[in-house]
Protein backbone atom coordinates (compact mmCIF):
# COMPACT_ATOMS: atom_id res chain seq x y z
CA MET A 1 0.00 0.00 0.00
CA ASP A 2 1.53 3.30 -1.02
CA ASN A 3 1.35 6.52 0.98
CA LYS A 4 -1.72 7.86 -0.88
CA ASP A 5 -3.66 4.63 -0.31
CA LYS A 6 -2.68 4.62 3.36
CA LYS A 7 -3.92 8.20 3.75
CA ILE A 8 -7.25 7.30 2.13
CA ALA A 9 -7.56 4.17 4.31
CA ASP A 10 -6.88 6.23 7.46
CA GLU A 11 -9.53 8.76 6.41
CA VAL A 12 -12.09 5.99 5.92
CA ILE A 13 -11.19 4.44 9.27
CA LEU A 14 -11.56 7.85 10.92
CA LYS A 15 -15.02 8.37 9.34
CA VAL A 16 -16.19 4.90 10.39
CA SER A 17 -14.84 5.44 13.90
CA LYS A 18 -16.69 8.74 14.12
CA GLU A 19 -19.98 7.14 13.06
CA ILE A 20 -19.58 4.35 15.61
CA ALA A 21 -18.74 6.87 18.35
CA ILE A 22 -21.86 8.87 17.45
CA LYS A 23 -24.00 5.73 17.71
CA PHE A 24 -22.41 4.84 21.05
CA ILE A 25 -23.19 8.35 22.32
CA GLU A 26 -26.79 8.05 21.09
CA VAL A 27 -27.33 4.78 22.97
CA GLY A 28 -25.48 5.92 26.08
CA ARG A 29 -22.43 3.63 25.83
CA LEU A 30 -20.12 6.63 25.33
CA THR A 31 -20.45 10.02 26.96
CA PRO A 32 -18.80 13.35 26.15
CA VAL A 33 -16.75 12.89 29.32
CA SER A 34 -15.49 9.44 28.26
CA PHE A 35 -15.00 10.43 24.61
CA GLU A 36 -11.31 11.26 25.10
CA THR A 37 -10.50 7.71 26.11
CA GLY A 38 -13.25 5.92 24.19
CA PHE A 39 -12.69 7.28 20.70
CA PRO A 40 -9.03 6.24 20.41
CA LYS A 41 -10.01 2.72 21.48
CA ILE A 42 -12.69 2.61 18.78
CA PHE A 43 -10.26 3.94 16.15
CA GLU A 44 -7.46 1.54 17.07
CA THR A 45 -9.80 -1.46 17.15
CA ILE A 46 -11.10 -0.70 13.67
CA LYS A 47 -7.60 0.02 12.34
CA GLU A 48 -6.24 -3.27 13.73
CA THR A 49 -9.18 -5.17 12.27
CA VAL A 50 -8.70 -3.62 8.81
CA GLU A 51 -4.96 -4.27 8.84
CA LYS A 52 -5.50 -7.95 9.71
CA SER A 53 -7.79 -8.55 6.73
């Protein structure tokens, strides 16, 4: 994967992570207070999953 593809992949992962975080906030599993620690966990989990496949 070249640098341009990696940048695009990271942008997609970021967008997906954001959507999941929004859903978690909507259902009460993530709060604005816990966002600082919760969002990086969501992002890293998705990134690891994508890199494994």
